[in-house]
Amino acid sequence: RYKGRCYHIEPVAGEDNQFIAYVAYPLDLFEEGSVTNMFTSIVGNVFGFKALRALRLEDLRIPNAYVKTFQGPPHGIQVERDKLNKYGRPLLGCTIKPKLGLSAKNYGRAVYECLR
């Protein structure tokens, strides 16, 4: 019940061994109003799955019934900028995973650069 279902596969025109897969998920899988939960559930660690050499998300269609559950952020971007004291540039977020194979020193550098 709580899993994605591939309902259509088509070959990519002019490309060998490349396909477009259409996948549907039941809305019960996702927490209402949670963008984070939805994207984590759909994308999660799929892009790190070694059996797939190349993968990309090309389209995402969200039913209106689910969109209506989103209340929006509790406050605006200015509050975030004020908390971080970062202005005049994009705010980006990321997750540094230990499975990247970095040494402890380089892992620390990567985390430091992300937090800077």
PDB file of N, CA and C in Angstrom:
ATOM      1  N   ARG A   1       0.821  -1.196   0.000  1.00  0.00           N
ATOM      2  CA  ARG A   1       0.000   0.000   0.000  1.00  0.00           C
ATOM      3  C   ARG A   1       0.864   1.260   0.000  1.00  0.00           C
ATOM      4  N   TYR A   2       1.929   1.302   0.789  1.00  0.00           N
ATOM      5  CA  TYR A   2       2.754   2.504   0.902  1.00  0.00           C
ATOM      6  C   TYR A   2       3.999   2.388   0.041  1.00  0.00           C
ATOM      7  N   LYS A   3       3.813   2.355  -1.255  1.00  0.00           N
ATOM      8  CA  LYS A   3       4.961   2.292  -2.157  1.00  0.00           C
ATOM      9  C   LYS A   3       4.589   2.938  -3.479  1.00  0.00           C
ATOM     10  N   GLY A   4       5.614   3.379  -4.190  1.00  0.00           N
ATOM     11  CA  GLY A   4       5.391   3.933  -5.509  1.00  0.00           C
ATOM     12  C   GLY A   4       5.064   2.824  -6.493  1.00  0.00           C
ATOM     13  N   ARG A   5       4.362   3.193  -7.563  1.00  0.00           N
ATOM     14  CA  ARG A   5       4.004   2.222  -8.587  1.00  0.00           C
ATOM     15  C   ARG A   5       4.366   2.804  -9.946  1.00  0.00           C
ATOM     16  N   CYS A   6       5.226   2.102 -10.668  1.00  0.00           N
ATOM     17  CA  CYS A   6       5.581   2.514 -12.020  1.00  0.00           C
ATOM     18  C   CYS A   6       4.445   2.077 -12.943  1.00  0.00           C
ATOM     19  N   TYR A   7       3.768   3.047 -13.540  1.00  0.00           N
ATOM     20  CA  TYR A   7       2.610   2.711 -14.369  1.00  0.00           C
ATOM     21  C   TYR A   7       2.871   2.852 -15.869  1.00  0.00           C
ATOM     22  N   HIS A   8       4.040   3.365 -16.240  1.00  0.00           N
ATOM     23  CA  HIS A   8       4.359   3.488 -17.664  1.00  0.00           C
ATOM     24  C   HIS A   8       5.867   3.665 -17.823  1.00  0.00           C
ATOM     25  N   ILE A   9       6.430   3.008 -18.819  1.00  0.00           N
ATOM     26  CA  ILE A   9       7.848   3.166 -19.161  1.00  0.00           C
ATOM     27  C   ILE A   9       7.930   3.364 -20.664  1.00  0.00           C
ATOM     28  N   GLU A  10       8.717   4.358 -21.074  1.00  0.00           N
ATOM     29  CA  GLU A  10       8.906   4.570 -22.509  1.00  0.00           C
ATOM     30  C   GLU A  10      10.377   4.836 -22.790  1.00  0.00           C
ATOM     31  N   PRO A  11      10.873   4.370 -23.931  1.00  0.00           N
ATOM     32  CA  PRO A  11      12.281   4.607 -24.268  1.00  0.00           C
ATOM     33  C   PRO A  11      12.511   6.075 -24.623  1.00  0.00           C
ATOM     34  N   VAL A  12      13.719   6.553 -24.350  1.00  0.00           N
ATOM     35  CA  VAL A  12      14.107   7.905 -24.742  1.00  0.00           C
ATOM     36  C   VAL A  12      14.498   7.843 -26.213  1.00  0.00           C
ATOM     37  N   ALA A  13      13.880   8.663 -27.023  1.00  0.00           N
ATOM     38  CA  ALA A  13      14.114   8.645 -28.468  1.00  0.00           C
ATOM     39  C   ALA A  13      15.588   8.885 -28.786  1.00  0.00           C
ATOM     40  N   GLY A  14      16.167   7.993 -29.590  1.00  0.00           N
ATOM     41  CA  GLY A  14      17.550   8.148 -30.030  1.00  0.00           C
ATOM     42  C   GLY A  14      18.599   7.757 -29.011  1.00  0.00           C
ATOM     43  N   GLU A  15      18.200   7.193 -27.884  1.00  0.00           N
ATOM     44  CA  GLU A  15      19.149   6.815 -26.835  1.00  0.00           C
ATOM     45  C   GLU A  15      18.999   5.334 -26.509  1.00  0.00           C
ATOM     46  N   ASP A  16      20.120   4.621 -26.495  1.00  0.00           N
ATOM     47  CA  ASP A  16      20.094   3.216 -26.104  1.00  0.00           C
ATOM     48  C   ASP A  16      20.069   3.092 -24.586  1.00  0.00           C
ATOM     49  N   ASN A  17      19.301   2.177 -24.096  1.00  0.00           N
ATOM     50  CA  ASN A  17      19.245   1.866 -22.662  1.00  0.00           C
ATOM     51  C   ASN A  17      18.886   3.058 -21.781  1.00  0.00           C
ATOM     52  N   GLN A  18      18.090   3.983 -22.306  1.00  0.00           N
ATOM     53  CA  GLN A  18      17.593   5.097 -21.499  1.00  0.00           C
ATOM     54  C   GLN A  18      16.075   5.113 -21.595  1.00  0.00           C
ATOM     55  N   PHE A  19      15.445   5.313 -20.446  1.00  0.00           N
ATOM     56  CA  PHE A  19      13.997   5.225 -20.393  1.00  0.00           C
ATOM     57  C   PHE A  19      13.423   6.315 -19.502  1.00  0.00           C
ATOM     58  N   ILE A  20      12.184   6.644 -19.756  1.00  0.00           N
ATOM     59  CA  ILE A  20      11.426   7.531 -18.883  1.00  0.00           C
ATOM     60  C   ILE A  20      10.424   6.653 -18.146  1.00  0.00           C
ATOM     61  N   ALA A  21      10.463   6.714 -16.829  1.00  0.00           N
ATOM     62  CA  ALA A  21       9.545   5.927 -16.004  1.00  0.00           C
ATOM     63  C   ALA A  21       8.556   6.874 -15.336  1.00  0.00           C
ATOM     64  N   TYR A  22       7.309   6.534 -15.403  1.00  0.00           N
ATOM     65  CA  TYR A  22       6.252   7.301 -14.762  1.00  0.00           C
ATOM     66  C   TYR A  22       5.864   6.559 -13.484  1.00  0.00           C
ATOM     67  N   VAL A  23       6.000   7.245 -12.360  1.00  0.00           N
ATOM     68  CA  VAL A  23       5.775   6.615 -11.061  1.00  0.00           C
ATOM     69  C   VAL A  23       4.704   7.404 -10.307  1.00  0.00           C
ATOM     70  N   ALA A  24       3.764   6.694  -9.720  1.00  0.00           N
ATOM     71  CA  ALA A  24       2.713   7.320  -8.909  1.00  0.00           C
ATOM     72  C   ALA A  24       2.843   6.828  -7.471  1.00  0.00           C
ATOM     73  N   TYR A  25       2.573   7.722  -6.541  1.00  0.00           N
ATOM     74  CA  TYR A  25       2.623   7.394  -5.115  1.00  0.00           C
ATOM     75  C   TYR A  25       1.252   7.653  -4.500  1.00  0.00           C
ATOM     76  N   PRO A  26       0.822   6.821  -3.561  1.00  0.00           N
ATOM     77  CA  PRO A  26      -0.450   7.091  -2.880  1.00  0.00           C
ATOM     78  C   PRO A  26      -0.288   8.286  -1.937  1.00  0.00           C
ATOM     79  N   LEU A  27      -1.290   9.159  -1.895  1.00  0.00           N
ATOM     80  CA  LEU A  27      -1.201  10.342  -1.034  1.00  0.00           C
ATOM     81  C   LEU A  27      -1.078   9.985   0.440  1.00  0.00           C
ATOM     82  N   ASP A  28      -1.574   8.818   0.825  1.00  0.00           N
ATOM     83  CA  ASP A  28      -1.458   8.387   2.224  1.00  0.00           C
ATOM     84  C   ASP A  28      -0.005   8.222   2.660  1.00  0.00           C
ATOM     85  N   LEU A  29       0.888   8.121   1.706  1.00  0.00           N
ATOM     86  CA  LEU A  29       2.307   7.956   2.013  1.00  0.00           C
ATOM     87  C   LEU A  29       2.902   9.223   2.627  1.00  0.00           C
ATOM     88  N   PHE A  30       2.324  10.369   2.303  1.00  0.00           N
ATOM     89  CA  PHE A  30       2.909  11.650   2.692  1.00  0.00           C
ATOM     90  C   PHE A  30       2.158  12.309   3.843  1.00  0.00           C
ATOM     91  N   GLU A  31       2.938  12.961   4.693  1.00  0.00           N
ATOM     92  CA  GLU A  31       2.357  13.750   5.781  1.00  0.00           C
ATOM     93  C   GLU A  31       1.735  15.007   5.180  1.00  0.00           C
ATOM     94  N   GLU A  32       0.508  15.285   5.519  1.00  0.00           N
ATOM     95  CA  GLU A  32      -0.155  16.466   4.966  1.00  0.00           C
ATOM     96  C   GLU A  32       0.604  17.732   5.335  1.00  0.00           C
ATOM     97  N   GLY A  33       0.746  18.621   4.370  1.00  0.00           N
ATOM     98  CA  GLY A  33       1.353  19.916   4.608  1.00  0.00           C
ATOM     99  C   GLY A  33       2.857  19.915   4.769  1.00  0.00           C
ATOM    100  N   SER A  34       3.527  18.810   4.503  1.00  0.00           N
ATOM    101  CA  SER A  34       4.977  18.744   4.705  1.00  0.00           C
ATOM    102  C   SER A  34       5.716  18.577   3.379  1.00  0.00           C
ATOM    103  N   VAL A  35       6.257  19.676   2.888  1.00  0.00           N
ATOM    104  CA  VAL A  35       7.060  19.633   1.667  1.00  0.00           C
ATOM    105  C   VAL A  35       8.276  18.741   1.892  1.00  0.00           C
ATOM    106  N   THR A  36       8.897  18.872   3.054  1.00  0.00           N
ATOM    107  CA  THR A  36      10.083  18.082   3.378  1.00  0.00           C
ATOM    108  C   THR A  36       9.780  16.591   3.332  1.00  0.00           C
ATOM    109  N   ASN A  37       8.703  16.178   3.956  1.00  0.00           N
ATOM    110  CA  ASN A  37       8.327  14.765   3.966  1.00  0.00           C
ATOM    111  C   ASN A  37       8.057  14.261   2.554  1.00  0.00           C
ATOM    112  N   MET A  38       7.358  15.050   1.757  1.00  0.00           N
ATOM    113  CA  MET A  38       7.029  14.633   0.401  1.00  0.00           C
ATOM    114  C   MET A  38       8.291  14.436  -0.436  1.00  0.00           C
ATOM    115  N   PHE A  39       9.173  15.423  -0.441  1.00  0.00           N
ATOM    116  CA  PHE A  39      10.382  15.312  -1.260  1.00  0.00           C
ATOM    117  C   PHE A  39      11.324  14.230  -0.748  1.00  0.00           C
ATOM    118  N   THR A  40      11.440  14.082   0.561  1.00  0.00           N
ATOM    119  CA  THR A  40      12.281  13.022   1.114  1.00  0.00           C
ATOM    120  C   THR A  40      11.742  11.658   0.713  1.00  0.00           C
ATOM    121  N   SER A  41      10.437  11.509   0.755  1.00  0.00           N
ATOM    122  CA  SER A  41       9.828  10.233   0.377  1.00  0.00           C
ATOM    123  C   SER A  41      10.014   9.927  -1.101  1.00  0.00           C
ATOM    124  N   ILE A  42       9.895  10.927  -1.953  1.00  0.00           N
ATOM    125  CA  ILE A  42       9.999  10.711  -3.395  1.00  0.00           C
ATOM    126  C   ILE A  42      11.448  10.565  -3.834  1.00  0.00           C
ATOM    127  N   VAL A  43      12.286  11.453  -3.391  1.00  0.00           N
ATOM    128  CA  VAL A  43      13.672  11.463  -3.852  1.00  0.00           C
ATOM    129  C   VAL A  43      14.560  10.654  -2.921  1.00  0.00           C
ATOM    130  N   GLY A  44      14.514  10.955  -1.623  1.00  0.00           N
ATOM    131  CA  GLY A  44      15.285  10.209  -0.632  1.00  0.00           C
ATOM    132  C   GLY A  44      16.679   9.865  -1.096  1.00  0.00           C
ATOM    133  N   ASN A  45      17.058   8.615  -0.944  1.00  0.00           N
ATOM    134  CA  ASN A  45      18.389   8.161  -1.345  1.00  0.00           C
ATOM    135  C   ASN A  45      18.402   7.518  -2.722  1.00  0.00           C
ATOM    136  N   VAL A  46      17.324   7.683  -3.488  1.00  0.00           N
ATOM    137  CA  VAL A  46      17.255   7.070  -4.817  1.00  0.00           C
ATOM    138  C   VAL A  46      18.416   7.536  -5.692  1.00  0.00           C
ATOM    139  N   PHE A  47      18.794   8.806  -5.572  1.00  0.00           N
ATOM    140  CA  PHE A  47      19.850   9.332  -6.431  1.00  0.00           C
ATOM    141  C   PHE A  47      21.230   8.803  -6.050  1.00  0.00           C
ATOM    142  N   GLY A  48      21.357   8.188  -4.887  1.00  0.00           N
ATOM    143  CA  GLY A  48      22.612   7.565  -4.479  1.00  0.00           C
ATOM    144  C   GLY A  48      22.627   6.065  -4.718  1.00  0.00           C
ATOM    145  N   PHE A  49      21.583   5.538  -5.323  1.00  0.00           N
ATOM    146  CA  PHE A  49      21.455   4.102  -5.578  1.00  0.00           C
ATOM    147  C   PHE A  49      22.446   3.702  -6.666  1.00  0.00           C
ATOM    148  N   LYS A  50      23.465   2.917  -6.301  1.00  0.00           N
ATOM    149  CA  LYS A  50      24.574   2.617  -7.211  1.00  0.00           C
ATOM    150  C   LYS A  50      24.170   1.826  -8.447  1.00  0.00           C
ATOM    151  N   ALA A  51      23.066   1.094  -8.382  1.00  0.00           N
ATOM    152  CA  ALA A  51      22.632   0.312  -9.543  1.00  0.00           C
ATOM    153  C   ALA A  51      22.197   1.216 -10.699  1.00  0.00           C
ATOM    154  N   LEU A  52      21.896   2.464 -10.393  1.00  0.00           N
ATOM    155  CA  LEU A  52      21.505   3.420 -11.427  1.00  0.00           C
ATOM    156  C   LEU A  52      22.679   4.336 -11.735  1.00  0.00           C
ATOM    157  N   ARG A  53      23.113   4.338 -12.988  1.00  0.00           N
ATOM    158  CA  ARG A  53      24.259   5.181 -13.345  1.00  0.00           C
ATOM    159  C   ARG A  53      23.855   6.631 -13.563  1.00  0.00           C
ATOM    160  N   ALA A  54      22.638   6.839 -13.997  1.00  0.00           N
ATOM    161  CA  ALA A  54      22.171   8.204 -14.233  1.00  0.00           C
ATOM    162  C   ALA A  54      20.677   8.252 -13.935  1.00  0.00           C
ATOM    163  N   LEU A  55      20.281   9.270 -13.225  1.00  0.00           N
ATOM    164  CA  LEU A  55      18.879   9.407 -12.862  1.00  0.00           C
ATOM    165  C   LEU A  55      18.587  10.881 -12.665  1.00  0.00           C
ATOM    166  N   ARG A  56      17.429  11.310 -13.121  1.00  0.00           N
ATOM    167  CA  ARG A  56      17.027  12.687 -12.848  1.00  0.00           C
ATOM    168  C   ARG A  56      15.509  12.761 -12.762  1.00  0.00           C
ATOM    169  N   LEU A  57      15.058  13.677 -11.967  1.00  0.00           N
ATOM    170  CA  LEU A  57      13.636  13.940 -11.818  1.00  0.00           C
ATOM    171  C   LEU A  57      13.288  15.017 -12.829  1.00  0.00           C
ATOM    172  N   GLU A  58      12.394  14.717 -13.752  1.00  0.00           N
ATOM    173  CA  GLU A  58      12.063  15.672 -14.809  1.00  0.00           C
ATOM    174  C   GLU A  58      10.759  16.410 -14.570  1.00  0.00           C
ATOM    175  N   ASP A  59       9.847  15.801 -13.845  1.00  0.00           N
ATOM    176  CA  ASP A  59       8.540  16.420 -13.662  1.00  0.00           C
ATOM    177  C   ASP A  59       7.932  15.895 -12.366  1.00  0.00           C
ATOM    178  N   LEU A  60       7.188  16.730 -11.704  1.00  0.00           N
ATOM    179  CA  LEU A  60       6.508  16.337 -10.474  1.00  0.00           C
ATOM    180  C   LEU A  60       5.127  16.971 -10.510  1.00  0.00           C
ATOM    181  N   ARG A  61       4.122  16.150 -10.436  1.00  0.00           N
ATOM    182  CA  ARG A  61       2.744  16.645 -10.448  1.00  0.00           C
ATOM    183  C   ARG A  61       2.105  16.315  -9.106  1.00  0.00           C
ATOM    184  N   ILE A  62       1.600  17.345  -8.463  1.00  0.00           N
ATOM    185  CA  ILE A  62       1.029  17.190  -7.123  1.00  0.00           C
ATOM    186  C   ILE A  62      -0.469  17.469  -7.210  1.00  0.00           C
ATOM    187  N   PRO A  63      -1.305  16.542  -6.779  1.00  0.00           N
ATOM    188  CA  PRO A  63      -2.755  16.758  -6.833  1.00  0.00           C
ATOM    189  C   PRO A  63      -3.180  17.975  -6.008  1.00  0.00           C
ATOM    190  N   ASN A  64      -4.174  18.703  -6.509  1.00  0.00           N
ATOM    191  CA  ASN A  64      -4.662  19.893  -5.810  1.00  0.00           C
ATOM    192  C   ASN A  64      -5.091  19.592  -4.381  1.00  0.00           C
ATOM    193  N   ALA A  65      -5.663  18.429  -4.154  1.00  0.00           N
ATOM    194  CA  ALA A  65      -6.098  18.063  -2.798  1.00  0.00           C
ATOM    195  C   ALA A  65      -4.923  18.072  -1.830  1.00  0.00           C
ATOM    196  N   TYR A  66      -3.759  17.663  -2.299  1.00  0.00           N
ATOM    197  CA  TYR A  66      -2.578  17.651  -1.432  1.00  0.00           C
ATOM    198  C   TYR A  66      -1.967  19.048  -1.332  1.00  0.00           C
ATOM    199  N   VAL A  67      -1.939  19.776  -2.438  1.00  0.00           N
ATOM    200  CA  VAL A  67      -1.396  21.142  -2.435  1.00  0.00           C
ATOM    201  C   VAL A  67      -2.137  21.996  -1.405  1.00  0.00           C
ATOM    202  N   LYS A  68      -3.433  21.806  -1.293  1.00  0.00           N
ATOM    203  CA  LYS A  68      -4.242  22.605  -0.364  1.00  0.00           C
ATOM    204  C   LYS A  68      -3.880  22.373   1.100  1.00  0.00           C
ATOM    205  N   THR A  69      -3.152  21.293   1.404  1.00  0.00           N
ATOM    206  CA  THR A  69      -2.754  21.036   2.797  1.00  0.00           C
ATOM    207  C   THR A  69      -1.538  21.860   3.212  1.00  0.00           C
ATOM    208  N   PHE A  70      -0.840  22.475   2.256  1.00  0.00           N
ATOM    209  CA  PHE A  70       0.339  23.282   2.578  1.00  0.00           C
ATOM    210  C   PHE A  70      -0.100  24.636   3.116  1.00  0.00           C
ATOM    211  N   GLN A  71       0.371  24.970   4.295  1.00  0.00           N
ATOM    212  CA  GLN A  71       0.008  26.234   4.941  1.00  0.00           C
ATOM    213  C   GLN A  71       0.997  27.353   4.626  1.00  0.00           C
ATOM    214  N   GLY A  72       2.107  27.016   3.996  1.00  0.00           N
ATOM    215  CA  GLY A  72       3.150  28.000   3.746  1.00  0.00           C
ATOM    216  C   GLY A  72       4.112  28.048   4.920  1.00  0.00           C
ATOM    217  N   PRO A  73       5.210  28.754   4.763  1.00  0.00           N
ATOM    218  CA  PRO A  73       6.201  28.821   5.840  1.00  0.00           C
ATOM    219  C   PRO A  73       5.666  29.626   7.027  1.00  0.00           C
ATOM    220  N   PRO A  74       6.171  29.327   8.232  1.00  0.00           N
ATOM    221  CA  PRO A  74       5.704  30.049   9.413  1.00  0.00           C
ATOM    222  C   PRO A  74       6.147  31.515   9.425  1.00  0.00           C
ATOM    223  N   HIS A  75       7.189  31.826   8.671  1.00  0.00           N
ATOM    224  CA  HIS A  75       7.664  33.202   8.561  1.00  0.00           C
ATOM    225  C   HIS A  75       8.399  33.343   7.227  1.00  0.00           C
ATOM    226  N   GLY A  76       8.747  34.550   6.866  1.00  0.00           N
ATOM    227  CA  GLY A  76       9.362  34.802   5.568  1.00  0.00           C
ATOM    228  C   GLY A  76      10.877  34.670   5.557  1.00  0.00           C
ATOM    229  N   ILE A  77      11.440  34.889   4.382  1.00  0.00           N
ATOM    230  CA  ILE A  77      12.883  34.749   4.174  1.00  0.00           C
ATOM    231  C   ILE A  77      13.672  35.764   5.003  1.00  0.00           C
ATOM    232  N   GLN A  78      13.077  36.924   5.263  1.00  0.00           N
ATOM    233  CA  GLN A  78      13.804  37.942   6.023  1.00  0.00           C
ATOM    234  C   GLN A  78      14.139  37.449   7.426  1.00  0.00           C
ATOM    235  N   VAL A  79      13.245  36.711   8.052  1.00  0.00           N
ATOM    236  CA  VAL A  79      13.502  36.157   9.389  1.00  0.00           C
ATOM    237  C   VAL A  79      14.684  35.195   9.325  1.00  0.00           C
ATOM    238  N   GLU A  80      14.730  34.353   8.291  1.00  0.00           N
ATOM    239  CA  GLU A  80      15.851  33.417   8.137  1.00  0.00           C
ATOM    240  C   GLU A  80      17.159  34.174   7.931  1.00  0.00           C
ATOM    241  N   ARG A  81      17.132  35.191   7.086  1.00  0.00           N
ATOM    242  CA  ARG A  81      18.349  35.982   6.852  1.00  0.00           C
ATOM    243  C   ARG A  81      18.816  36.656   8.136  1.00  0.00           C
ATOM    244  N   ASP A  82      17.885  37.173   8.906  1.00  0.00           N
ATOM    245  CA  ASP A  82      18.237  37.818  10.173  1.00  0.00           C
ATOM    246  C   ASP A  82      18.855  36.813  11.150  1.00  0.00           C
ATOM    247  N   LYS A  83      18.282  35.614  11.235  1.00  0.00           N
ATOM    248  CA  LYS A  83      18.824  34.583  12.130  1.00  0.00           C
ATOM    249  C   LYS A  83      20.247  34.201  11.736  1.00  0.00           C
ATOM    250  N   LEU A  84      20.475  34.091  10.430  1.00  0.00           N
ATOM    251  CA  LEU A  84      21.783  33.657   9.931  1.00  0.00           C
ATOM    252  C   LEU A  84      22.753  34.810   9.702  1.00  0.00           C
ATOM    253  N   ASN A  85      22.235  36.031   9.735  1.00  0.00           N
ATOM    254  CA  ASN A  85      23.029  37.214   9.432  1.00  0.00           C
ATOM    255  C   ASN A  85      23.671  37.100   8.044  1.00  0.00           C
ATOM    256  N   LYS A  86      22.878  36.630   7.075  1.00  0.00           N
ATOM    257  CA  LYS A  86      23.348  36.469   5.694  1.00  0.00           C
ATOM    258  C   LYS A  86      22.408  37.235   4.774  1.00  0.00           C
ATOM    259  N   TYR A  87      22.978  38.182   4.032  1.00  0.00           N
ATOM    260  CA  TYR A  87      22.180  39.033   3.157  1.00  0.00           C
ATOM    261  C   TYR A  87      22.837  39.133   1.787  1.00  0.00           C
ATOM    262  N   GLY A  88      22.050  39.448   0.779  1.00  0.00           N
ATOM    263  CA  GLY A  88      22.580  39.720  -0.553  1.00  0.00           C
ATOM    264  C   GLY A  88      23.085  38.506  -1.311  1.00  0.00           C
ATOM    265  N   ARG A  89      22.697  37.311  -0.893  1.00  0.00           N
ATOM    266  CA  ARG A  89      23.107  36.097  -1.602  1.00  0.00           C
ATOM    267  C   ARG A  89      22.071  35.009  -1.356  1.00  0.00           C
ATOM    268  N   PRO A  90      22.053  33.999  -2.209  1.00  0.00           N
ATOM    269  CA  PRO A  90      21.099  32.904  -1.991  1.00  0.00           C
ATOM    270  C   PRO A  90      21.435  32.132  -0.718  1.00  0.00           C
ATOM    271  N   LEU A  91      20.420  31.602  -0.077  1.00  0.00           N
ATOM    272  CA  LEU A  91      20.609  30.707   1.063  1.00  0.00           C
ATOM    273  C   LEU A  91      20.441  29.279   0.554  1.00  0.00           C
ATOM    274  N   LEU A  92      21.433  28.466   0.768  1.00  0.00           N
ATOM    275  CA  LEU A  92      21.404  27.085   0.298  1.00  0.00           C
ATOM    276  C   LEU A  92      21.537  26.141   1.477  1.00  0.00           C
ATOM    277  N   GLY A  93      20.991  24.960   1.341  1.00  0.00           N
ATOM    278  CA  GLY A  93      21.118  23.941   2.375  1.00  0.00           C
ATOM    279  C   GLY A  93      21.574  22.639   1.748  1.00  0.00           C
ATOM    280  N   CYS A  94      22.265  21.838   2.526  1.00  0.00           N
ATOM    281  CA  CYS A  94      22.709  20.545   2.006  1.00  0.00           C
ATOM    282  C   CYS A  94      22.948  19.585   3.167  1.00  0.00           C
ATOM    283  N   THR A  95      23.088  18.332   2.808  1.00  0.00           N
ATOM    284  CA  THR A  95      23.414  17.296   3.781  1.00  0.00           C
ATOM    285  C   THR A  95      24.717  16.652   3.353  1.00  0.00           C
ATOM    286  N   ILE A  96      25.711  16.686   4.214  1.00  0.00           N
ATOM    287  CA  ILE A  96      26.987  16.032   3.931  1.00  0.00           C
ATOM    288  C   ILE A  96      26.907  14.631   4.519  1.00  0.00           C
ATOM    289  N   LYS A  97      27.052  13.635   3.673  1.00  0.00           N
ATOM    290  CA  LYS A  97      26.934  12.248   4.141  1.00  0.00           C
ATOM    291  C   LYS A  97      28.306  11.599   4.237  1.00  0.00           C
ATOM    292  N   PRO A  98      28.541  10.860   5.312  1.00  0.00           N
ATOM    293  CA  PRO A  98      29.845  10.209   5.495  1.00  0.00           C
ATOM    294  C   PRO A  98      30.162   9.200   4.402  1.00  0.00           C
ATOM    295  N   LYS A  99      29.156   8.695   3.700  1.00  0.00           N
ATOM    296  CA  LYS A  99      29.412   7.685   2.677  1.00  0.00           C
ATOM    297  C   LYS A  99      30.118   8.252   1.442  1.00  0.00           C
ATOM    298  N   LEU A 100      30.414   9.538   1.450  1.00  0.00           N
ATOM    299  CA  LEU A 100      31.113  10.135   0.319  1.00  0.00           C
ATOM    300  C   LEU A 100      32.559   9.669   0.228  1.00  0.00           C
ATOM    301  N   GLY A 101      33.072   9.036   1.284  1.00  0.00           N
ATOM    302  CA  GLY A 101      34.432   8.512   1.255  1.00  0.00           C
ATOM    303  C   GLY A 101      35.501   9.533   1.598  1.00  0.00           C
ATOM    304  N   LEU A 102      35.129  10.624   2.229  1.00  0.00           N
ATOM    305  CA  LEU A 102      36.102  11.643   2.609  1.00  0.00           C
ATOM    306  C   LEU A 102      36.831  11.228   3.881  1.00  0.00           C
ATOM    307  N   SER A 103      38.065  11.707   4.002  1.00  0.00           N
ATOM    308  CA  SER A 103      38.786  11.509   5.260  1.00  0.00           C
ATOM    309  C   SER A 103      38.113  12.377   6.317  1.00  0.00           C
ATOM    310  N   ALA A 104      38.411  12.120   7.583  1.00  0.00           N
ATOM    311  CA  ALA A 104      37.820  12.912   8.666  1.00  0.00           C
ATOM    312  C   ALA A 104      38.148  14.393   8.488  1.00  0.00           C
ATOM    313  N   LYS A 105      39.370  14.686   8.079  1.00  0.00           N
ATOM    314  CA  LYS A 105      39.794  16.076   7.894  1.00  0.00           C
ATOM    315  C   LYS A 105      39.003  16.740   6.762  1.00  0.00           C
ATOM    316  N   ASN A 106      38.888  16.054   5.628  1.00  0.00           N
ATOM    317  CA  ASN A 106      38.156  16.627   4.495  1.00  0.00           C
ATOM    318  C   ASN A 106      36.653  16.678   4.751  1.00  0.00           C
ATOM    319  N   TYR A 107      36.153  15.716   5.510  1.00  0.00           N
ATOM    320  CA  TYR A 107      34.747  15.741   5.900  1.00  0.00           C
ATOM    321  C   TYR A 107      34.487  16.990   6.745  1.00  0.00           C
ATOM    322  N   GLY A 108      35.368  17.255   7.692  1.00  0.00           N
ATOM    323  CA  GLY A 108      35.259  18.448   8.526  1.00  0.00           C
ATOM    324  C   GLY A 108      35.303  19.722   7.703  1.00  0.00           C
ATOM    325  N   ARG A 109      36.178  19.759   6.709  1.00  0.00           N
ATOM    326  CA  ARG A 109      36.257  20.937   5.820  1.00  0.00           C
ATOM    327  C   ARG A 109      34.949  21.139   5.059  1.00  0.00           C
ATOM    328  N   ALA A 110      34.394  20.043   4.542  1.00  0.00           N
ATOM    329  CA  ALA A 110      33.142  20.133   3.786  1.00  0.00           C
ATOM    330  C   ALA A 110      32.013  20.664   4.668  1.00  0.00           C
ATOM    331  N   VAL A 111      31.922  20.158   5.893  1.00  0.00           N
ATOM    332  CA  VAL A 111      30.895  20.621   6.824  1.00  0.00           C
ATOM    333  C   VAL A 111      31.117  22.096   7.148  1.00  0.00           C
ATOM    334  N   TYR A 112      32.366  22.478   7.400  1.00  0.00           N
ATOM    335  CA  TYR A 112      32.683  23.873   7.710  1.00  0.00           C
ATOM    336  C   TYR A 112      32.260  24.793   6.566  1.00  0.00           C
ATOM    337  N   GLU A 113      32.587  24.412   5.339  1.00  0.00           N
ATOM    338  CA  GLU A 113      32.241  25.238   4.177  1.00  0.00           C
ATOM    339  C   GLU A 113      30.725  25.384   4.034  1.00  0.00           C
ATOM    340  N   CYS A 114      29.993  24.323   4.333  1.00  0.00           N
ATOM    341  CA  CYS A 114      28.529  24.400   4.248  1.00  0.00           C
ATOM    342  C   CYS A 114      27.949  25.320   5.313  1.00  0.00           C
ATOM    343  N   LEU A 115      28.559  25.329   6.473  1.00  0.00           N
ATOM    344  CA  LEU A 115      28.045  26.139   7.575  1.00  0.00           C
ATOM    345  C   LEU A 115      28.502  27.590   7.516  1.00  0.00           C
ATOM    346  N   ARG A 116      29.518  27.868   6.740  1.00  0.00           N
ATOM    347  CA  ARG A 116      30.086  29.203   6.670  1.00  0.00           C
ATOM    348  C   ARG A 116      29.125  30.226   6.167  1.00  0.00           C
TER     349      ARG A 116
END
